[in-house]
Protein backbone atom coordinates (compact mmCIF):
# COMPACT_ATOMS: atom_id res chain seq x y z
CA MET A 1 12.06 10.81 -11.64
CA VAL A 2 14.98 8.82 -10.44
CA ASP A 3 16.31 9.82 -7.18
CA GLN A 4 19.89 8.72 -6.54
CA ARG A 5 22.02 8.27 -3.38
CA HIS A 6 25.68 7.27 -2.92
CA ASP A 7 26.12 5.43 -0.04
CA GLY A 8 23.98 2.82 2.10
CA ILE A 9 23.29 4.94 4.88
CA ALA A 10 21.77 8.04 2.71
CA GLY A 11 20.19 5.16 0.59
CA PHE A 12 18.45 3.60 3.56
CA GLU A 13 17.13 6.76 4.84
CA ALA A 14 15.68 7.98 1.65
CA ALA A 15 14.09 4.47 0.84
CA ARG A 16 12.52 4.50 4.16
CA ASP A 17 10.87 7.93 4.45
CA GLY A 18 10.47 8.42 0.76
CA ASP A 19 7.72 7.18 -1.52
CA TYR A 20 9.28 5.35 -4.32
CA GLN A 21 7.58 3.22 -7.01
CA MET A 22 10.71 1.08 -7.22
CA ILE A 23 14.21 0.67 -5.72
CA ILE A 24 17.18 -0.34 -7.32
CA LEU A 25 19.96 -1.21 -4.96
CA ASP A 26 23.57 -1.91 -5.45
CA ILE A 27 25.07 -4.62 -3.04
CA MET A 28 28.58 -3.00 -2.96
CA LEU A 29 27.90 0.24 -1.49
CA PRO A 30 30.15 2.35 0.67
CA LYS A 31 29.33 2.89 4.65
CA ARG A 32 26.57 -0.03 4.29
CA ASN A 33 26.11 -2.91 1.93
CA GLY A 34 22.82 -3.14 0.14
CA PHE A 35 21.88 -6.65 1.75
CA SER A 36 21.71 -4.73 5.01
CA VAL A 37 19.95 -1.98 3.64
CA CYS A 38 17.24 -4.13 1.97
CA LEU A 39 17.00 -6.10 5.14
CA ASP A 40 16.45 -2.98 7.11
CA LEU A 41 13.63 -1.82 4.87
CA ARG A 42 11.71 -5.04 4.85
CA GLN A 43 11.79 -5.03 8.70
CA ALA A 44 10.57 -1.21 8.85
CA GLY A 45 7.46 -2.35 6.72
CA VAL A 46 8.99 -0.96 3.42
CA GLU A 47 7.22 -2.99 0.55
CA THR A 48 8.45 -1.20 -2.49
CA PRO A 49 9.73 -3.59 -5.10
CA LEU A 50 13.63 -3.75 -5.06
CA LEU A 51 15.98 -4.91 -7.54
CA PHE A 52 19.65 -5.78 -6.74
CA LEU A 53 22.44 -4.68 -9.00
CA THR A 54 25.94 -6.26 -8.73
CA ALA A 55 28.96 -6.69 -10.22
CA LYS A 56 29.93 -9.50 -8.08
CA ASP A 57 29.45 -13.35 -9.66
CA GLY A 58 28.95 -15.60 -7.10
CA GLU A 59 25.59 -17.55 -6.84
CA LEU A 60 25.40 -16.94 -3.00
CA ASP A 61 25.11 -13.38 -3.50
CA GLU A 62 22.07 -13.47 -5.68
CA PHE A 63 20.70 -16.02 -2.90
CA GLU A 64 21.43 -13.78 -0.27
CA GLY A 65 19.80 -10.93 -1.86
CA LEU A 66 16.43 -12.87 -2.14
CA ASP A 67 16.67 -13.98 1.12
CA VAL A 68 16.83 -10.47 2.73
CA GLY A 69 13.95 -9.22 0.72
CA GLY A 70 15.26 -8.15 -2.74
CA ASP A 71 12.53 -9.18 -5.65
CA ASP A 72 14.97 -9.51 -8.41
CA PHE A 73 18.61 -9.36 -9.13
CA LEU A 74 20.88 -8.36 -12.18
CA ARG A 75 24.59 -8.56 -12.79
CA LYS A 76 26.67 -6.26 -14.12
CA PRO A 77 27.20 -5.32 -17.04
CA PHE A 78 23.89 -5.53 -18.25
CA GLU A 79 21.92 -4.28 -21.36
CA ARG A 80 19.46 -1.48 -20.50
CA SER A 81 16.69 -2.84 -22.08
CA VAL A 82 17.00 -5.81 -19.84
CA LEU A 83 17.00 -3.53 -16.45
CA LEU A 84 13.84 -1.86 -18.21
CA ALA A 85 12.37 -5.36 -19.05
CA ARG A 86 12.81 -6.40 -15.39
CA THR A 87 11.81 -2.97 -13.61
CA GLN A 88 8.40 -3.06 -15.55
CA ALA A 89 7.75 -6.85 -14.82
CA LEU A 90 8.23 -6.29 -11.08
CA LEU A 91 6.09 -2.99 -11.10
CA ARG A 92 3.32 -5.11 -12.71
CA ARG A 93 3.57 -7.99 -10.15
CA HIS A 94 3.52 -5.35 -7.43
CA GLU A 95 0.58 -3.96 -8.85
CA ARG A 96 -1.44 -6.93 -9.15
CA GLY A 97 -1.08 -7.79 -5.51
CA ARG A 98 -2.34 -4.33 -4.44
CA PRO A 99 -6.22 -3.29 -4.17
CA ARG A 100 -7.30 -0.96 -6.79
CA PRO A 101 -9.37 2.11 -5.88
CA VAL A 102 -13.14 1.50 -5.69
CA THR A 103 -15.28 4.16 -7.64
CA LEU A 104 -18.85 4.57 -6.78
CA GLY A 105 -20.10 7.37 -8.74
CA PRO A 106 -18.00 10.69 -7.68
CA VAL A 107 -16.79 8.79 -4.74
CA VAL A 108 -13.30 7.19 -4.86
CA VAL A 109 -12.23 4.88 -2.22
CA ASP A 110 -8.45 4.04 -2.31
CA VAL A 111 -8.48 0.98 0.06
CA ALA A 112 -4.66 0.80 -0.15
CA SER A 113 -4.08 4.23 1.35
CA ARG A 114 -7.24 4.30 3.26
CA VAL A 115 -8.40 7.49 1.55
CA VAL A 116 -11.72 8.81 0.28
CA SER A 117 -12.37 11.51 -2.23
CA LYS A 118 -15.33 12.88 -3.79
CA ASN A 119 -15.07 14.90 -6.78
CA GLY A 120 -11.39 14.75 -6.21
CA VAL A 121 -11.46 16.30 -2.89
CA ALA A 122 -10.68 14.54 0.22
CA VAL A 123 -13.41 13.63 2.79
CA ALA A 124 -12.47 13.40 6.39
CA LEU A 125 -14.04 9.87 7.80
CA THR A 126 -13.63 8.71 11.47
CA PRO A 127 -12.06 5.52 11.84
CA ARG A 128 -15.29 3.99 12.51
CA GLU A 129 -17.04 5.57 9.54
CA TYR A 130 -14.25 4.31 7.17
CA ARG A 131 -14.56 0.58 8.75
CA LEU A 132 -18.39 1.01 7.80
CA LEU A 133 -17.59 2.22 4.22
CA GLU A 134 -15.09 -0.38 3.68
CA PHE A 135 -17.60 -3.13 5.10
CA LEU A 136 -20.34 -2.38 2.72
CA ILE A 137 -17.87 -1.66 -0.43
CA ALA A 138 -16.61 -5.24 0.35
CA ARG A 139 -20.44 -6.58 0.05
CA ILE A 140 -21.92 -4.31 -2.90
CA ASN A 141 -24.96 -5.55 -4.16
CA GLN A 142 -25.09 -8.11 -1.48
CA PRO A 143 -27.93 -8.06 1.60
CA VAL A 144 -26.08 -7.47 4.80
CA ALA A 145 -27.73 -8.40 8.07
CA LYS A 146 -27.63 -5.18 10.78
CA SER A 147 -25.90 -7.82 13.24
CA GLU A 148 -23.25 -8.75 10.90
CA ILE A 149 -22.61 -4.69 10.33
CA LEU A 150 -22.28 -4.37 13.97
CA GLU A 151 -20.23 -7.28 14.80
CA THR A 152 -17.77 -6.25 12.17
CA VAL A 153 -17.81 -2.78 12.68
CA TRP A 154 -18.25 -2.06 16.36
CA GLY A 155 -16.80 -5.51 17.50
CA GLY A 156 -18.15 -8.50 19.38
CA SER A 157 -18.54 -6.41 22.39
CA PHE A 158 -21.30 -4.10 21.00
CA ASP A 159 -23.73 -3.63 23.84
CA GLY A 160 -25.65 -0.86 22.80
CA ASP A 161 -28.55 0.58 21.10
CA PRO A 162 -29.05 -1.19 17.26
CA THR A 163 -30.66 1.93 16.44
CA LEU A 164 -26.89 3.41 16.62
CA LEU A 165 -26.33 1.96 13.45
CA ARG A 166 -29.40 3.58 11.56
CA SER A 167 -27.87 7.06 13.26
CA THR A 168 -24.25 6.53 12.03
CA SER A 169 -25.59 5.49 8.72
CA ALA A 170 -27.33 8.52 8.07
CA THR A 171 -24.61 10.74 9.92
CA CYS A 172 -22.37 9.15 7.28
CA GLY A 173 -24.46 9.62 4.22
CA ALA A 174 -25.08 13.18 5.02
CA SER A 175 -21.80 13.52 5.38
CA SER A 176 -19.67 15.16 2.41
CA ILE A 177 -19.78 11.91 0.84
CA GLY A 178 -23.75 11.31 0.90
CA PRO A 179 -26.00 13.29 -1.15
CA GLY A 180 -26.02 16.35 0.95
CA ARG A 181 -29.38 15.54 2.91
CA ARG A 182 -29.75 13.93 6.29
CA HIS A 183 -31.89 11.13 7.00
CA SER A 184 -34.36 11.17 9.82
């Protein structure tokens, strides 16, 4: 799906508030130029791949576009096949940098979005349960000391009863992720 805005203000708001796979941004937009839109998007934490388009032919424009956070630059006029090739390349590079979801039987953990699901249904975890799950996933098939779990998940200031770990593990395992039975 393509979502189009006709000025820089509307484009900025849509890109900041939306969930897009890619942003194609013209430099010469009414109300606000593409350079300032890109700069503010990056400062707002938007990491979506961004391709600048321009009819301008200055070398400094390309430099500025990349300097403010653009990922690629294409001058008009261009062949449609070149635009498609560049967008595909940007999407591939962007995907390579993202962690892939981890599948453990019917459970899927999307580390990028911090969403856990079982059989396609979202599972609600407390922040600590999620940290514990994430910690254990990063060490699949490796022995892990209880002290390392306590240090990482509960923090260095953990002062409580070490059996809390057994209790939390049982609760987490008995939640909708686990096999459906409590461990004592």
